[in-house]
């Protein structure tokens, strides 16, 4: 079996699978040649499902007025601004000197350092709602889908990182670099505080390495 056959080989389906979903395969043979096929609503929906989180009727109608090349250009080159940071929409006291008392309702918390566990739990919940809102209210570009892809790829758990500001800053780092140089993104992520915290990088010391080598 050559490499192409190996990569396209399929496992044998069970009798139940064959009854429920008859085997049907599709293959693209055009390589990297410029696509010259049809450009109808069907192709638009297919492209938007691949580059966005679904396609609304308004999105479909919008891209019907664009050529295929114009559509691809717009999807890969966002013009909408990045979303504003998450804000304090949870309920806490605003009295100075109390946990989260520095931030008024409706103001962002992303620049207010706070080590209180309860506050960070509320902020992580705020971050998740904000993130979900960005996906639902996506602009007409591939940006949000790429952000989600890379956040899932790096896999930092907010509950493990602990500090909500660090979690937000990592997403902001990804968002600012997602359509740029991939090597730069990876380099910056390797030094990101959220990544270092999640991988216990802040515990890495030369003395700890020497001790491990001696024990082995």
C-alpha atoms as a PDB file:
ATOM      1  CA  UNK A   1       0.000   0.000   0.000  1.00  0.00           C
ATOM      2  CA  UNK A   2       1.513   3.341  -1.003  1.00  0.00           C
ATOM      3  CA  UNK A   3       1.279   6.499   1.102  1.00  0.00           C
ATOM      4  CA  UNK A   4      -1.756   7.925  -0.697  1.00  0.00           C
ATOM      5  CA  UNK A   5      -3.671   4.657  -0.339  1.00  0.00           C
ATOM      6  CA  UNK A   6      -2.734   4.473   3.319  1.00  0.00           C
ATOM      7  CA  UNK A   7      -3.951   8.008   4.057  1.00  0.00           C
ATOM      8  CA  UNK A   8      -7.236   7.484   2.249  1.00  0.00           C
ATOM      9  CA  UNK A   9      -7.894   3.970   3.534  1.00  0.00           C
ATOM     10  CA  UNK A  10     -11.152   3.546   5.426  1.00  0.00           C
ATOM     11  CA  UNK A  11     -12.033   1.088   8.152  1.00  0.00           C
ATOM     12  CA  UNK A  12     -14.684  -1.506   7.393  1.00  0.00           C
ATOM     13  CA  UNK A  13     -18.079  -0.345   8.607  1.00  0.00           C
ATOM     14  CA  UNK A  14     -20.335  -2.496  10.735  1.00  0.00           C
ATOM     15  CA  UNK A  15     -23.596  -3.845   9.344  1.00  0.00           C
ATOM     16  CA  UNK A  16     -25.507  -1.326  11.452  1.00  0.00           C
ATOM     17  CA  UNK A  17     -23.469   1.571  10.062  1.00  0.00           C
ATOM     18  CA  UNK A  18     -23.972   0.334   6.523  1.00  0.00           C
ATOM     19  CA  UNK A  19     -27.734   0.278   7.020  1.00  0.00           C
ATOM     20  CA  UNK A  20     -27.931   3.656   8.775  1.00  0.00           C
ATOM     21  CA  UNK A  21     -25.414   5.527   6.631  1.00  0.00           C
ATOM     22  CA  UNK A  22     -24.554   3.959   3.265  1.00  0.00           C
ATOM     23  CA  UNK A  23     -20.972   4.629   2.302  1.00  0.00           C
ATOM     24  CA  UNK A  24     -20.503   7.672   0.103  1.00  0.00           C
ATOM     25  CA  UNK A  25     -17.132   9.266  -0.503  1.00  0.00           C
ATOM     26  CA  UNK A  26     -16.053  12.470  -2.186  1.00  0.00           C
ATOM     27  CA  UNK A  27     -12.619  13.413  -3.372  1.00  0.00           C
ATOM     28  CA  UNK A  28     -11.110  16.573  -4.720  1.00  0.00           C
ATOM     29  CA  UNK A  29      -8.795  16.005  -7.656  1.00  0.00           C
ATOM     30  CA  UNK A  30      -8.097  19.600  -8.612  1.00  0.00           C
ATOM     31  CA  UNK A  31      -5.018  19.966  -6.394  1.00  0.00           C
ATOM     32  CA  UNK A  32      -3.995  23.587  -5.984  1.00  0.00           C
ATOM     33  CA  UNK A  33      -5.325  24.671  -9.344  1.00  0.00           C
ATOM     34  CA  UNK A  34      -7.645  27.671  -9.366  1.00  0.00           C
ATOM     35  CA  UNK A  35     -11.243  26.600  -8.823  1.00  0.00           C
ATOM     36  CA  UNK A  36     -13.382  27.245 -11.900  1.00  0.00           C
ATOM     37  CA  UNK A  37     -16.548  25.408 -10.958  1.00  0.00           C
ATOM     38  CA  UNK A  38     -19.984  26.681 -10.024  1.00  0.00           C
ATOM     39  CA  UNK A  39     -20.462  29.553  -7.562  1.00  0.00           C
ATOM     40  CA  UNK A  40     -24.021  29.208  -6.320  1.00  0.00           C
ATOM     41  CA  UNK A  41     -25.726  29.349  -2.950  1.00  0.00           C
ATOM     42  CA  UNK A  42     -24.687  25.752  -2.323  1.00  0.00           C
ATOM     43  CA  UNK A  43     -20.981  26.579  -2.700  1.00  0.00           C
ATOM     44  CA  UNK A  44     -21.369  29.731  -0.607  1.00  0.00           C
ATOM     45  CA  UNK A  45     -22.990  27.819   2.259  1.00  0.00           C
ATOM     46  CA  UNK A  46     -20.299  25.137   2.083  1.00  0.00           C
ATOM     47  CA  UNK A  47     -17.506  27.721   2.237  1.00  0.00           C
ATOM     48  CA  UNK A  48     -19.076  29.668   5.101  1.00  0.00           C
ATOM     49  CA  UNK A  49     -19.593  26.509   7.135  1.00  0.00           C
ATOM     50  CA  UNK A  50     -15.900  25.745   6.726  1.00  0.00           C
ATOM     51  CA  UNK A  51     -14.645  29.230   7.565  1.00  0.00           C
ATOM     52  CA  UNK A  52     -17.291  30.458  10.030  1.00  0.00           C
ATOM     53  CA  UNK A  53     -19.576  28.984  12.690  1.00  0.00           C
ATOM     54  CA  UNK A  54     -22.420  28.389  10.295  1.00  0.00           C
ATOM     55  CA  UNK A  55     -24.043  30.729   7.815  1.00  0.00           C
ATOM     56  CA  UNK A  56     -27.057  32.956   8.427  1.00  0.00           C
ATOM     57  CA  UNK A  57     -29.430  33.914   5.647  1.00  0.00           C
ATOM     58  CA  UNK A  58     -28.049  37.445   5.802  1.00  0.00           C
ATOM     59  CA  UNK A  59     -24.491  36.138   5.353  1.00  0.00           C
ATOM     60  CA  UNK A  60     -25.511  34.028   2.373  1.00  0.00           C
ATOM     61  CA  UNK A  61     -27.368  36.898   0.719  1.00  0.00           C
ATOM     62  CA  UNK A  62     -24.406  39.192   1.333  1.00  0.00           C
ATOM     63  CA  UNK A  63     -21.899  36.901  -0.365  1.00  0.00           C
ATOM     64  CA  UNK A  64     -24.264  36.267  -3.254  1.00  0.00           C
ATOM     65  CA  UNK A  65     -23.395  39.803  -4.296  1.00  0.00           C
ATOM     66  CA  UNK A  66     -19.684  38.934  -4.283  1.00  0.00           C
ATOM     67  CA  UNK A  67     -17.631  36.828  -6.635  1.00  0.00           C
ATOM     68  CA  UNK A  68     -15.848  33.766  -5.297  1.00  0.00           C
ATOM     69  CA  UNK A  69     -12.498  35.597  -5.199  1.00  0.00           C
ATOM     70  CA  UNK A  70     -14.038  38.576  -3.415  1.00  0.00           C
ATOM     71  CA  UNK A  71     -15.673  36.264  -0.881  1.00  0.00           C
ATOM     72  CA  UNK A  72     -12.427  34.449  -0.113  1.00  0.00           C
ATOM     73  CA  UNK A  73     -10.568  37.759   0.210  1.00  0.00           C
ATOM     74  CA  UNK A  74     -13.122  39.094   2.675  1.00  0.00           C
ATOM     75  CA  UNK A  75     -13.132  35.914   4.741  1.00  0.00           C
ATOM     76  CA  UNK A  76      -9.343  35.934   5.035  1.00  0.00           C
ATOM     77  CA  UNK A  77      -8.968  39.678   5.621  1.00  0.00           C
ATOM     78  CA  UNK A  78     -11.268  40.830   8.449  1.00  0.00           C
ATOM     79  CA  UNK A  79     -12.244  44.491   8.405  1.00  0.00           C
ATOM     80  CA  UNK A  80     -14.349  44.489  11.578  1.00  0.00           C
ATOM     81  CA  UNK A  81     -12.505  45.563  14.744  1.00  0.00           C
ATOM     82  CA  UNK A  82     -11.625  43.017  17.399  1.00  0.00           C
ATOM     83  CA  UNK A  83     -14.294  42.626  20.087  1.00  0.00           C
ATOM     84  CA  UNK A  84     -14.038  44.854  23.131  1.00  0.00           C
ATOM     85  CA  UNK A  85     -12.804  43.133  26.327  1.00  0.00           C
ATOM     86  CA  UNK A  86     -15.219  41.370  28.692  1.00  0.00           C
ATOM     87  CA  UNK A  87     -16.859  43.496  31.376  1.00  0.00           C
ATOM     88  CA  UNK A  88     -18.088  43.023  34.904  1.00  0.00           C
ATOM     89  CA  UNK A  89     -21.653  41.776  34.421  1.00  0.00           C
ATOM     90  CA  UNK A  90     -21.659  39.653  37.578  1.00  0.00           C
ATOM     91  CA  UNK A  91     -22.831  41.020  40.927  1.00  0.00           C
ATOM     92  CA  UNK A  92     -20.335  41.957  43.641  1.00  0.00           C
ATOM     93  CA  UNK A  93     -19.902  44.836  46.010  1.00  0.00           C
ATOM     94  CA  UNK A  94     -18.298  48.000  44.663  1.00  0.00           C
ATOM     95  CA  UNK A  95     -17.055  49.164  48.040  1.00  0.00           C
ATOM     96  CA  UNK A  96     -13.335  50.086  47.963  1.00  0.00           C
ATOM     97  CA  UNK A  97     -11.182  47.568  49.773  1.00  0.00           C
ATOM     98  CA  UNK A  98     -13.511  44.641  49.133  1.00  0.00           C
ATOM     99  CA  UNK A  99     -12.944  41.866  46.556  1.00  0.00           C
ATOM    100  CA  UNK A 100     -13.516  43.248  43.043  1.00  0.00           C
ATOM    101  CA  UNK A 101     -14.575  46.565  44.522  1.00  0.00           C
ATOM    102  CA  UNK A 102     -12.342  48.497  42.116  1.00  0.00           C
ATOM    103  CA  UNK A 103     -14.456  47.586  39.099  1.00  0.00           C
ATOM    104  CA  UNK A 104     -17.872  49.127  38.529  1.00  0.00           C
ATOM    105  CA  UNK A 105     -20.649  47.223  36.782  1.00  0.00           C
ATOM    106  CA  UNK A 106     -20.173  47.422  33.025  1.00  0.00           C
ATOM    107  CA  UNK A 107     -16.435  48.198  33.233  1.00  0.00           C
ATOM    108  CA  UNK A 108     -13.800  45.756  32.051  1.00  0.00           C
ATOM    109  CA  UNK A 109     -11.814  43.795  34.601  1.00  0.00           C
ATOM    110  CA  UNK A 110      -8.970  42.690  32.316  1.00  0.00           C
ATOM    111  CA  UNK A 111      -6.511  45.274  33.666  1.00  0.00           C
ATOM    112  CA  UNK A 112      -7.320  44.861  37.357  1.00  0.00           C
ATOM    113  CA  UNK A 113      -5.001  42.371  39.043  1.00  0.00           C
ATOM    114  CA  UNK A 114      -6.917  40.336  41.607  1.00  0.00           C
ATOM    115  CA  UNK A 115      -5.890  37.123  43.349  1.00  0.00           C
ATOM    116  CA  UNK A 116      -9.152  36.471  45.174  1.00  0.00           C
ATOM    117  CA  UNK A 117     -10.382  32.982  44.292  1.00  0.00           C
ATOM    118  CA  UNK A 118     -14.078  33.856  44.260  1.00  0.00           C
ATOM    119  CA  UNK A 119     -13.499  36.917  42.099  1.00  0.00           C
ATOM    120  CA  UNK A 120     -11.431  34.942  39.604  1.00  0.00           C
ATOM    121  CA  UNK A 121     -14.133  32.291  39.426  1.00  0.00           C
ATOM    122  CA  UNK A 122     -16.676  34.992  38.556  1.00  0.00           C
ATOM    123  CA  UNK A 123     -14.321  36.518  36.027  1.00  0.00           C
ATOM    124  CA  UNK A 124     -13.653  33.180  34.347  1.00  0.00           C
ATOM    125  CA  UNK A 125     -17.405  32.734  33.977  1.00  0.00           C
ATOM    126  CA  UNK A 126     -17.576  36.265  32.565  1.00  0.00           C
ATOM    127  CA  UNK A 127     -14.795  35.429  30.112  1.00  0.00           C
ATOM    128  CA  UNK A 128     -16.587  32.289  28.905  1.00  0.00           C
ATOM    129  CA  UNK A 129     -19.830  34.199  28.308  1.00  0.00           C
ATOM    130  CA  UNK A 130     -17.898  36.888  26.448  1.00  0.00           C
ATOM    131  CA  UNK A 131     -16.100  34.266  24.343  1.00  0.00           C
ATOM    132  CA  UNK A 132     -19.355  32.511  23.487  1.00  0.00           C
ATOM    133  CA  UNK A 133     -20.866  35.842  22.520  1.00  0.00           C
ATOM    134  CA  UNK A 134     -17.996  36.458  20.103  1.00  0.00           C
ATOM    135  CA  UNK A 135     -18.686  33.134  18.386  1.00  0.00           C
ATOM    136  CA  UNK A 136     -22.408  33.822  18.110  1.00  0.00           C
ATOM    137  CA  UNK A 137     -21.919  37.394  16.902  1.00  0.00           C
ATOM    138  CA  UNK A 138     -18.996  36.600  14.605  1.00  0.00           C
ATOM    139  CA  UNK A 139     -18.054  38.974  11.836  1.00  0.00           C
ATOM    140  CA  UNK A 140     -17.956  37.739   8.250  1.00  0.00           C
ATOM    141  CA  UNK A 141     -14.447  36.337   8.411  1.00  0.00           C
ATOM    142  CA  UNK A 142     -12.473  33.276   9.413  1.00  0.00           C
ATOM    143  CA  UNK A 143     -11.051  35.033  12.484  1.00  0.00           C
ATOM    144  CA  UNK A 144     -13.292  33.594  15.217  1.00  0.00           C
ATOM    145  CA  UNK A 145     -13.004  30.071  13.885  1.00  0.00           C
ATOM    146  CA  UNK A 146      -9.202  30.301  13.815  1.00  0.00           C
ATOM    147  CA  UNK A 147      -9.164  31.728  17.350  1.00  0.00           C
ATOM    148  CA  UNK A 148     -11.282  28.815  18.550  1.00  0.00           C
ATOM    149  CA  UNK A 149      -9.065  26.354  16.678  1.00  0.00           C
ATOM    150  CA  UNK A 150      -5.883  27.596  18.324  1.00  0.00           C
ATOM    151  CA  UNK A 151      -7.376  27.902  21.800  1.00  0.00           C
ATOM    152  CA  UNK A 152      -8.480  24.289  21.509  1.00  0.00           C
ATOM    153  CA  UNK A 153      -5.067  23.368  20.105  1.00  0.00           C
ATOM    154  CA  UNK A 154      -3.121  24.842  23.028  1.00  0.00           C
ATOM    155  CA  UNK A 155      -5.701  23.487  25.461  1.00  0.00           C
ATOM    156  CA  UNK A 156      -5.078  25.676  28.516  1.00  0.00           C
ATOM    157  CA  UNK A 157      -7.860  25.034  31.034  1.00  0.00           C
ATOM    158  CA  UNK A 158      -9.084  28.261  32.633  1.00  0.00           C
ATOM    159  CA  UNK A 159      -9.757  26.497  35.935  1.00  0.00           C
ATOM    160  CA  UNK A 160      -6.174  25.182  36.003  1.00  0.00           C
ATOM    161  CA  UNK A 161      -4.625  28.526  35.063  1.00  0.00           C
ATOM    162  CA  UNK A 162      -6.777  30.128  37.730  1.00  0.00           C
ATOM    163  CA  UNK A 163      -6.299  33.799  36.964  1.00  0.00           C
ATOM    164  CA  UNK A 164      -8.960  35.055  34.542  1.00  0.00           C
ATOM    165  CA  UNK A 165      -6.793  37.923  33.309  1.00  0.00           C
ATOM    166  CA  UNK A 166      -4.104  35.496  32.153  1.00  0.00           C
ATOM    167  CA  UNK A 167      -6.709  33.447  30.311  1.00  0.00           C
ATOM    168  CA  UNK A 168      -8.057  36.536  28.575  1.00  0.00           C
ATOM    169  CA  UNK A 169      -4.583  37.792  27.675  1.00  0.00           C
ATOM    170  CA  UNK A 170      -3.706  34.509  25.992  1.00  0.00           C
ATOM    171  CA  UNK A 171      -6.808  34.712  23.814  1.00  0.00           C
ATOM    172  CA  UNK A 172      -6.010  38.331  23.014  1.00  0.00           C
ATOM    173  CA  UNK A 173      -2.485  37.260  22.031  1.00  0.00           C
ATOM    174  CA  UNK A 174      -3.909  34.594  19.731  1.00  0.00           C
ATOM    175  CA  UNK A 175      -6.457  36.983  18.276  1.00  0.00           C
ATOM    176  CA  UNK A 176      -3.841  39.633  17.513  1.00  0.00           C
ATOM    177  CA  UNK A 177      -1.558  37.135  15.751  1.00  0.00           C
ATOM    178  CA  UNK A 178      -3.911  34.554  14.282  1.00  0.00           C
ATOM    179  CA  UNK A 179      -3.780  35.941  10.750  1.00  0.00           C
ATOM    180  CA  UNK A 180      -0.105  36.810  10.892  1.00  0.00           C
ATOM    181  CA  UNK A 181       3.113  34.816  11.096  1.00  0.00           C
ATOM    182  CA  UNK A 182       2.512  31.389  12.624  1.00  0.00           C
ATOM    183  CA  UNK A 183       6.093  31.074  13.860  1.00  0.00           C
ATOM    184  CA  UNK A 184       5.754  34.356  15.745  1.00  0.00           C
ATOM    185  CA  UNK A 185       2.486  33.190  17.290  1.00  0.00           C
ATOM    186  CA  UNK A 186       4.053  29.962  18.574  1.00  0.00           C
ATOM    187  CA  UNK A 187       7.094  31.823  19.903  1.00  0.00           C
ATOM    188  CA  UNK A 188       4.896  34.278  21.785  1.00  0.00           C
ATOM    189  CA  UNK A 189       2.650  31.526  23.148  1.00  0.00           C
ATOM    190  CA  UNK A 190       5.683  29.668  24.510  1.00  0.00           C
ATOM    191  CA  UNK A 191       6.386  32.712  26.703  1.00  0.00           C
ATOM    192  CA  UNK A 192       2.760  33.452  27.563  1.00  0.00           C
ATOM    193  CA  UNK A 193       2.074  33.456  31.301  1.00  0.00           C
ATOM    194  CA  UNK A 194      -1.093  31.389  30.935  1.00  0.00           C
ATOM    195  CA  UNK A 195       0.786  28.680  29.027  1.00  0.00           C
ATOM    196  CA  UNK A 196       3.672  28.711  31.500  1.00  0.00           C
ATOM    197  CA  UNK A 197       1.242  28.410  34.391  1.00  0.00           C
ATOM    198  CA  UNK A 198      -0.722  25.578  32.803  1.00  0.00           C
ATOM    199  CA  UNK A 199       2.441  23.597  32.021  1.00  0.00           C
ATOM    200  CA  UNK A 200       4.005  24.431  35.396  1.00  0.00           C
ATOM    201  CA  UNK A 201       6.765  26.271  33.581  1.00  0.00           C
ATOM    202  CA  UNK A 202       7.098  28.676  36.493  1.00  0.00           C
ATOM    203  CA  UNK A 203       8.436  25.737  38.565  1.00  0.00           C
ATOM    204  CA  UNK A 204      11.215  24.898  36.116  1.00  0.00           C
ATOM    205  CA  UNK A 205      14.615  25.553  37.654  1.00  0.00           C
ATOM    206  CA  UNK A 206      18.117  24.411  36.817  1.00  0.00           C
ATOM    207  CA  UNK A 207      18.455  22.913  40.304  1.00  0.00           C
ATOM    208  CA  UNK A 208      15.278  20.844  39.826  1.00  0.00           C
ATOM    209  CA  UNK A 209      16.625  19.514  36.515  1.00  0.00           C
ATOM    210  CA  UNK A 210      19.940  18.533  38.089  1.00  0.00           C
ATOM    211  CA  UNK A 211      18.128  16.752  40.927  1.00  0.00           C
ATOM    212  CA  UNK A 212      16.042  14.746  38.450  1.00  0.00           C
ATOM    213  CA  UNK A 213      19.147  13.754  36.475  1.00  0.00           C
ATOM    214  CA  UNK A 214      20.904  12.628  39.671  1.00  0.00           C
ATOM    215  CA  UNK A 215      17.878  10.545  40.753  1.00  0.00           C
ATOM    216  CA  UNK A 216      17.804   8.805  37.380  1.00  0.00           C
END
